[in-house]
Amino acid sequence: GAKRAYFSLLRKNRFGTLASDSVDTTPAGSSYVTKIPNGKYKIEAQAPDGNRGPLAVWHLQKGAVDGLNVRWHIGDYDSCISPGCDFYITSLGSGKYKIEAQAPDGNRGPLAVWHLQ
């Protein structure tokens, strides 16, 4: 079977960066990246049944800790607990991008993909 990739928020960039500005996490392969105010982006995924929702860093509102999971938030962007659905995307050149999230205390950390091997 296919392997699953799990995303986690890290305070330090120990595992590199994602190589795309769009995260394909759904069986249907539908993902959307939309710029929102203040240099932030929302990343949404669409399920095969058509339901669309944002990706969220679970429990980010409680502070910056290693290993927070990124999950599909059932609901719309406005119902997501801030700042969990806000992402910062930075081009690293050569078609590579860094995706980060920022905790309420200002700590910003990149997303990392676990269990790819």
N, C-alpha and C. Protein backbone atom coordinates (compact mmCIF):
# COMPACT_ATOMS: atom_id res chain seq x y z
N GLY A 1 0.81 -1.19 0.00
CA GLY A 1 0.00 0.00 0.00
C GLY A 1 0.85 1.25 0.00
N ALA A 2 0.21 2.39 -0.17
CA ALA A 2 0.91 3.67 -0.18
C ALA A 2 1.28 4.06 1.25
N LYS A 3 2.42 4.70 1.38
CA LYS A 3 2.85 5.20 2.68
C LYS A 3 2.18 6.54 2.95
N ARG A 4 1.90 6.81 4.21
CA ARG A 4 1.33 8.09 4.59
C ARG A 4 2.45 9.01 5.05
N ALA A 5 2.32 10.26 4.76
CA ALA A 5 3.28 11.26 5.24
C ALA A 5 2.59 12.07 6.33
N TYR A 6 3.28 12.31 7.40
CA TYR A 6 2.76 13.09 8.51
C TYR A 6 3.56 14.38 8.60
N PHE A 7 2.87 15.49 8.76
CA PHE A 7 3.51 16.78 8.85
C PHE A 7 3.55 17.21 10.30
N SER A 8 4.65 17.80 10.72
CA SER A 8 4.76 18.32 12.08
C SER A 8 5.43 19.68 12.04
N LEU A 9 5.10 20.52 13.01
CA LEU A 9 5.73 21.81 13.15
C LEU A 9 6.98 21.65 14.02
N LEU A 10 8.08 22.19 13.56
CA LEU A 10 9.32 22.16 14.31
C LEU A 10 9.81 23.58 14.52
N ARG A 11 10.45 23.85 15.65
CA ARG A 11 10.99 25.17 15.88
C ARG A 11 12.30 25.37 15.12
N LYS A 12 13.02 24.32 14.84
CA LYS A 12 14.28 24.41 14.13
C LYS A 12 14.17 23.62 12.84
N ASN A 13 14.82 24.10 11.82
CA ASN A 13 14.75 23.46 10.51
C ASN A 13 15.72 22.28 10.46
N ARG A 14 15.39 21.20 11.13
CA ARG A 14 16.26 20.03 11.20
C ARG A 14 16.02 19.05 10.06
N PHE A 15 14.90 19.15 9.40
CA PHE A 15 14.55 18.14 8.41
C PHE A 15 14.36 18.72 7.02
N GLY A 16 14.89 19.90 6.76
CA GLY A 16 14.76 20.47 5.43
C GLY A 16 13.43 21.15 5.23
N THR A 17 13.06 21.30 3.98
CA THR A 17 11.84 22.03 3.64
C THR A 17 11.03 21.24 2.64
N LEU A 18 9.80 21.62 2.49
CA LEU A 18 8.95 21.01 1.48
C LEU A 18 9.35 21.55 0.12
N ALA A 19 9.27 20.75 -0.89
CA ALA A 19 9.72 21.15 -2.22
C ALA A 19 8.59 21.65 -3.09
N SER A 20 7.51 22.13 -2.49
CA SER A 20 6.39 22.62 -3.29
C SER A 20 5.63 23.66 -2.49
N ASP A 21 4.96 24.57 -3.20
CA ASP A 21 4.13 25.56 -2.51
C ASP A 21 2.71 25.04 -2.31
N SER A 22 2.43 23.85 -2.75
CA SER A 22 1.12 23.24 -2.58
C SER A 22 1.30 21.86 -1.96
N VAL A 23 0.59 21.59 -0.88
CA VAL A 23 0.73 20.32 -0.18
C VAL A 23 -0.40 19.40 -0.63
N ASP A 24 -0.05 18.30 -1.29
CA ASP A 24 -1.04 17.37 -1.80
C ASP A 24 -1.28 16.29 -0.75
N THR A 25 -2.37 16.40 0.01
CA THR A 25 -2.61 15.48 1.12
C THR A 25 -3.89 14.68 0.96
N THR A 26 -4.60 14.88 -0.13
CA THR A 26 -5.90 14.23 -0.27
C THR A 26 -5.86 13.14 -1.33
N PRO A 27 -6.69 12.12 -1.17
CA PRO A 27 -6.74 11.09 -2.20
C PRO A 27 -7.09 11.66 -3.58
N ALA A 28 -7.91 12.70 -3.61
CA ALA A 28 -8.29 13.30 -4.89
C ALA A 28 -7.18 14.20 -5.43
N GLY A 29 -6.21 14.53 -4.58
CA GLY A 29 -5.10 15.37 -5.02
C GLY A 29 -5.45 16.82 -5.21
N SER A 30 -6.47 17.31 -4.52
CA SER A 30 -6.88 18.70 -4.67
C SER A 30 -6.40 19.51 -3.47
N SER A 31 -5.50 20.44 -3.73
CA SER A 31 -5.03 21.33 -2.67
C SER A 31 -4.97 22.74 -3.23
N TYR A 32 -5.15 23.73 -2.35
CA TYR A 32 -5.24 25.12 -2.76
C TYR A 32 -4.43 25.97 -1.80
N VAL A 33 -3.64 26.88 -2.34
CA VAL A 33 -2.86 27.82 -1.54
C VAL A 33 -3.36 29.22 -1.90
N THR A 34 -3.80 29.98 -0.88
CA THR A 34 -4.36 31.30 -1.10
C THR A 34 -3.67 32.31 -0.20
N LYS A 35 -3.21 33.42 -0.81
CA LYS A 35 -2.59 34.49 -0.02
C LYS A 35 -3.68 35.25 0.73
N ILE A 36 -3.43 35.50 2.01
CA ILE A 36 -4.34 36.28 2.85
C ILE A 36 -3.55 37.46 3.40
N PRO A 37 -4.16 38.43 4.06
CA PRO A 37 -3.43 39.61 4.53
C PRO A 37 -2.24 39.30 5.44
N ASN A 38 -1.35 40.27 5.54
CA ASN A 38 -0.19 40.24 6.44
C ASN A 38 0.84 39.20 6.06
N GLY A 39 0.99 38.91 4.77
CA GLY A 39 2.03 37.99 4.32
C GLY A 39 1.77 36.53 4.63
N LYS A 40 0.53 36.20 4.98
CA LYS A 40 0.17 34.83 5.35
C LYS A 40 -0.53 34.13 4.19
N TYR A 41 -0.61 32.80 4.31
CA TYR A 41 -1.31 31.98 3.33
C TYR A 41 -2.19 30.99 4.07
N LYS A 42 -3.30 30.61 3.42
CA LYS A 42 -4.07 29.48 3.92
C LYS A 42 -3.88 28.36 2.91
N ILE A 43 -3.77 27.15 3.41
CA ILE A 43 -3.61 25.97 2.58
C ILE A 43 -4.83 25.10 2.81
N GLU A 44 -5.57 24.83 1.76
CA GLU A 44 -6.78 24.04 1.88
C GLU A 44 -6.66 22.76 1.06
N ALA A 45 -7.38 21.75 1.53
CA ALA A 45 -7.45 20.47 0.82
C ALA A 45 -8.91 20.15 0.58
N GLN A 46 -9.16 19.44 -0.51
CA GLN A 46 -10.53 19.05 -0.84
C GLN A 46 -10.65 17.54 -0.86
N ALA A 47 -11.61 17.03 -0.12
CA ALA A 47 -11.87 15.60 -0.04
C ALA A 47 -12.55 15.12 -1.33
N PRO A 48 -12.51 13.82 -1.59
CA PRO A 48 -13.17 13.29 -2.78
C PRO A 48 -14.66 13.62 -2.86
N ASP A 49 -15.31 13.81 -1.69
CA ASP A 49 -16.73 14.13 -1.70
C ASP A 49 -17.02 15.61 -1.95
N GLY A 50 -15.95 16.41 -2.14
CA GLY A 50 -16.12 17.84 -2.43
C GLY A 50 -15.95 18.75 -1.24
N ASN A 51 -15.94 18.20 -0.01
CA ASN A 51 -15.73 19.04 1.17
C ASN A 51 -14.33 19.63 1.13
N ARG A 52 -14.25 20.92 1.42
CA ARG A 52 -12.97 21.64 1.37
C ARG A 52 -12.73 22.29 2.72
N GLY A 53 -11.50 22.18 3.22
CA GLY A 53 -11.17 22.78 4.50
C GLY A 53 -9.69 23.08 4.59
N PRO A 54 -9.32 23.96 5.52
CA PRO A 54 -7.92 24.35 5.65
C PRO A 54 -7.09 23.32 6.41
N LEU A 55 -5.79 23.31 6.12
CA LEU A 55 -4.86 22.55 6.96
C LEU A 55 -4.60 23.40 8.19
N ALA A 56 -4.40 22.74 9.32
CA ALA A 56 -4.20 23.46 10.58
C ALA A 56 -3.10 22.79 11.39
N VAL A 57 -2.29 23.62 12.06
CA VAL A 57 -1.31 23.11 13.02
C VAL A 57 -2.07 22.96 14.34
N TRP A 58 -2.29 21.70 14.73
CA TRP A 58 -3.11 21.39 15.90
C TRP A 58 -2.44 21.89 17.17
N HIS A 59 -3.16 22.64 17.98
CA HIS A 59 -2.75 23.16 19.29
C HIS A 59 -1.67 24.22 19.22
N LEU A 60 -1.45 24.84 18.06
CA LEU A 60 -0.45 25.91 17.95
C LEU A 60 -0.79 27.10 18.84
N GLN A 61 -2.08 27.31 19.09
CA GLN A 61 -2.49 28.43 19.94
C GLN A 61 -1.96 28.30 21.36
N LYS A 62 -1.54 27.10 21.76
CA LYS A 62 -1.00 26.87 23.11
C LYS A 62 0.48 27.19 23.21
N GLY A 63 1.15 27.41 22.07
CA GLY A 63 2.57 27.77 22.09
C GLY A 63 3.39 26.89 21.17
N ALA A 64 4.64 27.32 20.98
CA ALA A 64 5.56 26.63 20.07
C ALA A 64 6.22 25.45 20.77
N VAL A 65 5.91 24.26 20.30
CA VAL A 65 6.57 23.04 20.78
C VAL A 65 6.85 22.16 19.56
N ASP A 66 7.90 21.36 19.62
CA ASP A 66 8.22 20.45 18.52
C ASP A 66 7.16 19.37 18.39
N GLY A 67 6.92 18.96 17.16
CA GLY A 67 6.09 17.80 16.90
C GLY A 67 4.59 18.02 16.84
N LEU A 68 4.13 19.27 16.70
CA LEU A 68 2.69 19.48 16.55
C LEU A 68 2.25 18.95 15.19
N ASN A 69 1.10 18.33 15.14
CA ASN A 69 0.60 17.73 13.90
C ASN A 69 -0.13 18.76 13.05
N VAL A 70 -0.03 18.58 11.74
CA VAL A 70 -0.82 19.34 10.79
C VAL A 70 -1.93 18.41 10.33
N ARG A 71 -3.17 18.88 10.48
CA ARG A 71 -4.33 18.06 10.13
C ARG A 71 -5.29 18.87 9.27
N TRP A 72 -6.18 18.16 8.64
CA TRP A 72 -7.24 18.80 7.87
C TRP A 72 -8.31 19.24 8.86
N HIS A 73 -8.60 20.55 8.87
CA HIS A 73 -9.61 21.12 9.76
C HIS A 73 -10.98 20.98 9.10
N ILE A 74 -11.88 20.30 9.75
CA ILE A 74 -13.23 20.15 9.22
C ILE A 74 -13.99 21.43 9.56
N GLY A 75 -14.27 22.19 8.58
CA GLY A 75 -14.88 23.50 8.74
C GLY A 75 -14.19 24.46 7.80
N ASP A 76 -14.58 25.73 7.87
CA ASP A 76 -13.94 26.69 6.99
C ASP A 76 -12.80 27.40 7.72
N TYR A 77 -12.07 28.21 6.98
CA TYR A 77 -10.92 28.93 7.52
C TYR A 77 -11.31 29.79 8.72
N ASP A 78 -12.45 30.46 8.65
CA ASP A 78 -12.88 31.36 9.72
C ASP A 78 -13.18 30.64 11.03
N SER A 79 -13.45 29.33 10.98
CA SER A 79 -13.74 28.59 12.21
C SER A 79 -12.49 27.96 12.82
N CYS A 80 -11.35 28.12 12.17
CA CYS A 80 -10.09 27.56 12.66
C CYS A 80 -9.56 28.41 13.82
N ILE A 81 -9.01 27.76 14.84
CA ILE A 81 -8.46 28.49 15.99
C ILE A 81 -7.15 29.14 15.58
N SER A 82 -7.10 30.46 15.68
CA SER A 82 -5.92 31.22 15.29
C SER A 82 -4.77 30.95 16.26
N PRO A 83 -3.56 30.85 15.78
CA PRO A 83 -3.06 31.04 14.42
C PRO A 83 -2.86 29.74 13.65
N GLY A 84 -3.57 28.68 14.03
CA GLY A 84 -3.33 27.35 13.50
C GLY A 84 -3.45 27.17 12.01
N CYS A 85 -4.25 27.99 11.34
CA CYS A 85 -4.46 27.82 9.89
C CYS A 85 -3.71 28.86 9.06
N ASP A 86 -2.82 29.61 9.70
CA ASP A 86 -2.03 30.62 8.99
C ASP A 86 -0.63 30.08 8.72
N PHE A 87 -0.19 30.18 7.48
CA PHE A 87 1.13 29.69 7.10
C PHE A 87 1.91 30.79 6.40
N TYR A 88 3.22 30.72 6.49
CA TYR A 88 4.13 31.63 5.80
C TYR A 88 4.90 30.80 4.79
N ILE A 89 4.87 31.22 3.53
CA ILE A 89 5.55 30.47 2.47
C ILE A 89 6.63 31.36 1.88
N THR A 90 7.86 30.85 1.89
CA THR A 90 9.01 31.59 1.40
C THR A 90 9.70 30.81 0.30
N SER A 91 9.96 31.46 -0.82
CA SER A 91 10.68 30.81 -1.91
C SER A 91 12.16 30.69 -1.54
N LEU A 92 12.71 29.52 -1.78
CA LEU A 92 14.13 29.27 -1.56
C LEU A 92 14.88 29.23 -2.90
N GLY A 93 14.16 29.47 -4.00
CA GLY A 93 14.74 29.39 -5.33
C GLY A 93 14.69 27.97 -5.85
N SER A 94 14.96 27.80 -7.12
CA SER A 94 14.99 26.49 -7.78
C SER A 94 13.69 25.71 -7.60
N GLY A 95 12.56 26.40 -7.47
CA GLY A 95 11.27 25.73 -7.33
C GLY A 95 11.01 25.14 -5.96
N LYS A 96 11.83 25.51 -4.96
CA LYS A 96 11.64 25.00 -3.59
C LYS A 96 11.09 26.10 -2.69
N TYR A 97 10.27 25.67 -1.72
CA TYR A 97 9.65 26.62 -0.81
C TYR A 97 9.74 26.12 0.62
N LYS A 98 9.77 27.06 1.55
CA LYS A 98 9.72 26.75 2.98
C LYS A 98 8.34 27.16 3.46
N ILE A 99 7.66 26.25 4.17
CA ILE A 99 6.35 26.55 4.74
C ILE A 99 6.50 26.57 6.26
N GLU A 100 6.10 27.68 6.88
CA GLU A 100 6.24 27.84 8.32
C GLU A 100 4.90 28.22 8.95
N ALA A 101 4.83 28.02 10.25
CA ALA A 101 3.71 28.49 11.06
C ALA A 101 4.29 29.27 12.23
N GLN A 102 3.50 30.19 12.77
CA GLN A 102 3.99 31.06 13.84
C GLN A 102 3.08 30.95 15.07
N ALA A 103 3.68 30.66 16.22
CA ALA A 103 2.95 30.56 17.48
C ALA A 103 2.62 31.97 17.99
N PRO A 104 1.69 32.07 18.93
CA PRO A 104 1.30 33.38 19.47
C PRO A 104 2.47 34.16 20.07
N ASP A 105 3.51 33.47 20.56
CA ASP A 105 4.65 34.17 21.16
C ASP A 105 5.65 34.67 20.11
N GLY A 106 5.35 34.48 18.82
CA GLY A 106 6.22 34.95 17.76
C GLY A 106 7.20 33.92 17.23
N ASN A 107 7.33 32.78 17.92
CA ASN A 107 8.22 31.71 17.43
C ASN A 107 7.65 31.17 16.14
N ARG A 108 8.49 31.13 15.11
CA ARG A 108 8.09 30.62 13.80
C ARG A 108 8.92 29.38 13.50
N GLY A 109 8.26 28.33 13.01
CA GLY A 109 8.97 27.10 12.70
C GLY A 109 8.49 26.48 11.42
N PRO A 110 9.38 25.78 10.72
CA PRO A 110 9.01 25.14 9.45
C PRO A 110 8.25 23.84 9.65
N LEU A 111 7.49 23.46 8.65
CA LEU A 111 6.84 22.16 8.64
C LEU A 111 7.88 21.13 8.21
N ALA A 112 7.76 19.93 8.73
CA ALA A 112 8.64 18.84 8.36
C ALA A 112 7.79 17.61 8.04
N VAL A 113 8.26 16.80 7.14
CA VAL A 113 7.55 15.57 6.78
C VAL A 113 8.25 14.42 7.47
N TRP A 114 7.49 13.65 8.23
CA TRP A 114 8.03 12.51 8.98
C TRP A 114 7.69 11.21 8.25
N HIS A 115 8.49 10.19 8.42
CA HIS A 115 8.24 8.83 7.93
C HIS A 115 8.18 8.72 6.40
N LEU A 116 9.01 9.45 5.71
CA LEU A 116 9.03 9.35 4.25
C LEU A 116 9.88 8.17 3.77
N GLN A 117 10.80 7.72 4.59
CA GLN A 117 11.68 6.64 4.14
C GLN A 117 10.95 5.34 4.06
